[in-house]
C-alpha atoms as a PDB file:
ATOM      1  CA  MET A   1     -14.364  12.121 -11.544  1.00  0.00           C
ATOM      2  CA  ASP A   2     -14.760   8.407 -12.391  1.00  0.00           C
ATOM      3  CA  PHE A   3     -11.243   6.324 -13.035  1.00  0.00           C
ATOM      4  CA  SER A   4     -11.950   3.035 -14.706  1.00  0.00           C
ATOM      5  CA  VAL A   5      -9.643   0.372 -14.460  1.00  0.00           C
ATOM      6  CA  GLU A   6     -10.913  -2.095 -16.335  1.00  0.00           C
ATOM      7  CA  SER A   7      -8.609  -2.023 -19.343  1.00  0.00           C
ATOM      8  CA  LEU A   8      -5.605  -3.214 -17.230  1.00  0.00           C
ATOM      9  CA  GLU A   9      -4.268  -6.346 -18.567  1.00  0.00           C
ATOM     10  CA  THR A  10      -3.176  -7.976 -15.399  1.00  0.00           C
ATOM     11  CA  PRO A  11      -4.941  -7.774 -11.974  1.00  0.00           C
ATOM     12  CA  ALA A  12      -2.647  -6.164 -10.059  1.00  0.00           C
ATOM     13  CA  LEU A  13      -2.727  -2.244  -9.822  1.00  0.00           C
ATOM     14  CA  THR A  14       0.995  -0.904 -10.641  1.00  0.00           C
ATOM     15  CA  LYS A  15       2.581   2.241 -10.155  1.00  0.00           C
ATOM     16  CA  ALA A  16       2.757   2.069 -14.410  1.00  0.00           C
ATOM     17  CA  HIS A  17      -0.904   2.202 -14.298  1.00  0.00           C
ATOM     18  CA  LEU A  18      -1.609   4.451 -12.063  1.00  0.00           C
ATOM     19  CA  ALA A  19       0.385   6.588 -14.066  1.00  0.00           C
ATOM     20  CA  GLU A  20      -1.402   6.060 -17.249  1.00  0.00           C
ATOM     21  CA  LEU A  21      -4.416   6.915 -15.670  1.00  0.00           C
ATOM     22  CA  LEU A  22      -3.189  10.187 -14.702  1.00  0.00           C
ATOM     23  CA  PHE A  23      -1.978  10.322 -18.286  1.00  0.00           C
ATOM     24  CA  GLU A  24      -5.174   9.112 -19.644  1.00  0.00           C
ATOM     25  CA  GLN A  25      -7.768  10.272 -17.680  1.00  0.00           C
ATOM     26  CA  ILE A  26      -6.410  13.699 -15.992  1.00  0.00           C
ATOM     27  CA  GLY A  27      -4.149  15.106 -19.173  1.00  0.00           C
ATOM     28  CA  LEU A  28      -1.071  15.364 -17.329  1.00  0.00           C
ATOM     29  CA  ASN A  29       1.876  14.524 -19.612  1.00  0.00           C
ATOM     30  CA  LYS A  30       3.619  10.991 -18.638  1.00  0.00           C
ATOM     31  CA  ARG A  31       6.369  12.007 -17.420  1.00  0.00           C
ATOM     32  CA  GLU A  32       4.380  14.170 -14.811  1.00  0.00           C
ATOM     33  CA  SER A  33       1.850  11.643 -13.978  1.00  0.00           C
ATOM     34  CA  LYS A  34       5.420   9.467 -13.534  1.00  0.00           C
ATOM     35  CA  ASP A  35       6.527  12.298 -10.904  1.00  0.00           C
ATOM     36  CA  MET A  36       3.406  12.772  -9.006  1.00  0.00           C
ATOM     37  CA  ILE A  37       2.786   8.820  -8.439  1.00  0.00           C
ATOM     38  CA  ASP A  38       7.253   8.527  -7.416  1.00  0.00           C
ATOM     39  CA  ALA A  39       6.694  11.487  -5.125  1.00  0.00           C
ATOM     40  CA  PHE A  40       3.291   9.963  -3.957  1.00  0.00           C
ATOM     41  CA  PHE A  41       5.025   6.667  -2.706  1.00  0.00           C
ATOM     42  CA  ASP A  42       8.679   8.058  -1.964  1.00  0.00           C
ATOM     43  CA  LEU A  43       6.543  10.309   0.270  1.00  0.00           C
ATOM     44  CA  ILE A  44       4.045   7.405   2.302  1.00  0.00           C
ATOM     45  CA  SER A  45       7.639   5.254   2.198  1.00  0.00           C
ATOM     46  CA  GLY A  46       9.522   7.693   3.825  1.00  0.00           C
ATOM     47  CA  ARG A  47       7.387   9.025   6.324  1.00  0.00           C
ATOM     48  CA  LEU A  48       7.274   5.247   7.452  1.00  0.00           C
ATOM     49  CA  VAL A  49      10.924   4.698   7.124  1.00  0.00           C
ATOM     50  CA  ASN A  50      11.010   7.720   9.416  1.00  0.00           C
ATOM     51  CA  GLY A  51       8.387   6.010  12.385  1.00  0.00           C
ATOM     52  CA  HIS A  52       5.681   7.783  11.473  1.00  0.00           C
ATOM     53  CA  ASP A  53       1.736   6.153  10.908  1.00  0.00           C
ATOM     54  CA  VAL A  54       0.689   7.089   7.675  1.00  0.00           C
ATOM     55  CA  LYS A  55      -3.264   7.547   7.555  1.00  0.00           C
ATOM     56  CA  ILE A  56      -5.892   8.121   4.231  1.00  0.00           C
ATOM     57  CA  SER A  57      -8.915   9.087   4.673  1.00  0.00           C
ATOM     58  CA  GLY A  58     -11.900   6.509   3.372  1.00  0.00           C
ATOM     59  CA  PHE A  59      -8.863   3.652   2.862  1.00  0.00           C
ATOM     60  CA  GLY A  60      -6.910   3.254   5.349  1.00  0.00           C
ATOM     61  CA  ASN A  61      -4.015   3.302   7.744  1.00  0.00           C
ATOM     62  CA  TYR A  62      -0.574   2.401   7.883  1.00  0.00           C
ATOM     63  CA  GLN A  63       1.214   1.389  11.201  1.00  0.00           C
ATOM     64  CA  ILE A  64       4.888   1.017  11.633  1.00  0.00           C
ATOM     65  CA  ARG A  65       5.082  -2.039  14.276  1.00  0.00           C
ATOM     66  CA  THR A  66       8.219  -3.293  16.447  1.00  0.00           C
ATOM     67  CA  LYS A  67       8.268  -6.710  17.081  1.00  0.00           C
ATOM     68  CA  ALA A  68      10.053  -8.120  20.321  1.00  0.00           C
ATOM     69  CA  PRO A  69      12.641 -10.284  19.533  1.00  0.00           C
ATOM     70  CA  ARG A  70      11.297 -14.045  20.006  1.00  0.00           C
ATOM     71  CA  PRO A  71      12.384 -17.631  19.725  1.00  0.00           C
ATOM     72  CA  GLY A  72      12.170 -19.464  16.605  1.00  0.00           C
ATOM     73  CA  ARG A  73      13.334 -22.658  14.745  1.00  0.00           C
ATOM     74  CA  ASN A  74      13.606 -24.225  11.499  1.00  0.00           C
ATOM     75  CA  PRO A  75      10.951 -26.065  10.070  1.00  0.00           C
ATOM     76  CA  ARG A  76      13.385 -28.247   8.053  1.00  0.00           C
ATOM     77  CA  THR A  77      15.736 -29.091  10.724  1.00  0.00           C
ATOM     78  CA  GLY A  78      13.817 -28.589  14.357  1.00  0.00           C
ATOM     79  CA  GLU A  79      17.335 -26.116  15.038  1.00  0.00           C
ATOM     80  CA  ALA A  80      16.072 -23.593  17.295  1.00  0.00           C
ATOM     81  CA  ILE A  81      17.121 -19.963  16.256  1.00  0.00           C
ATOM     82  CA  PRO A  82      16.982 -16.672  17.910  1.00  0.00           C
ATOM     83  CA  ILE A  83      14.330 -14.322  15.943  1.00  0.00           C
ATOM     84  CA  GLU A  84      15.774 -10.685  16.205  1.00  0.00           C
ATOM     85  CA  ALA A  85      13.543  -7.891  17.060  1.00  0.00           C
ATOM     86  CA  ARG A  86      12.354  -6.022  13.801  1.00  0.00           C
ATOM     87  CA  ARG A  87       9.695  -3.478  12.604  1.00  0.00           C
ATOM     88  CA  VAL A  88       7.218  -4.380  10.424  1.00  0.00           C
ATOM     89  CA  VAL A  89       4.425  -2.352   8.376  1.00  0.00           C
ATOM     90  CA  THR A  90       0.803  -3.069   8.969  1.00  0.00           C
ATOM     91  CA  PHE A  91      -2.480  -2.359   7.091  1.00  0.00           C
ATOM     92  CA  HIS A  92      -5.596  -1.804   8.442  1.00  0.00           C
ATOM     93  CA  ALA A  93      -8.543  -1.088   5.871  1.00  0.00           C
ATOM     94  CA  SER A  94     -11.014   1.596   6.558  1.00  0.00           C
ATOM     95  CA  HIS A  95     -14.811   0.781   7.231  1.00  0.00           C
ATOM     96  CA  LYS A  96     -15.581   2.622   3.668  1.00  0.00           C
ATOM     97  CA  LEU A  97     -12.970   0.687   2.357  1.00  0.00           C
ATOM     98  CA  LYS A  98     -14.491  -2.701   3.978  1.00  0.00           C
ATOM     99  CA  ASP A  99     -17.815  -1.712   3.411  1.00  0.00           C
ATOM    100  CA  GLN A 100     -17.029  -1.020  -0.445  1.00  0.00           C
ATOM    101  CA  ILE A 101     -15.459  -4.355  -0.670  1.00  0.00           C
ATOM    102  CA  GLN A 102     -18.298  -6.222   0.766  1.00  0.00           C
ATOM    103  CA  GLY A 103     -20.544  -4.491  -1.856  1.00  0.00           C
ATOM    104  CA  ASP A 104     -22.147  -2.282   1.075  1.00  0.00           C
ATOM    105  CA  SER A 105     -21.701   0.983  -0.522  1.00  0.00           C
ATOM    106  CA  PRO A 106     -21.085   2.273  -3.998  1.00  0.00           C
ATOM    107  CA  ALA A 107     -17.508   3.197  -4.968  1.00  0.00           C
ATOM    108  CA  THR A 108     -17.108   6.735  -5.427  1.00  0.00           C
END
């Protein structure tokens, strides 16, 4: 099944645009489309919040990384300030996605 997003008004693909594509090209009603997109992203964010990695085959991996506390400084004043330990999300694109972006293989 081929999905087209050329008709989007903005260059960013939003959750609302994804729901609209499900409505137009799959045939789900608008409420079902919105609920499906929301459930998908709730599942992903829930897994990340709980410290689990998310791997989407052919797209990439979202990983939680714990950054250690470190010294920092205020760039305006030069004052030293501590930066607390924190968790961050990193994304690593799959080789398939990287190849598609470079134009080495057709999008599927």
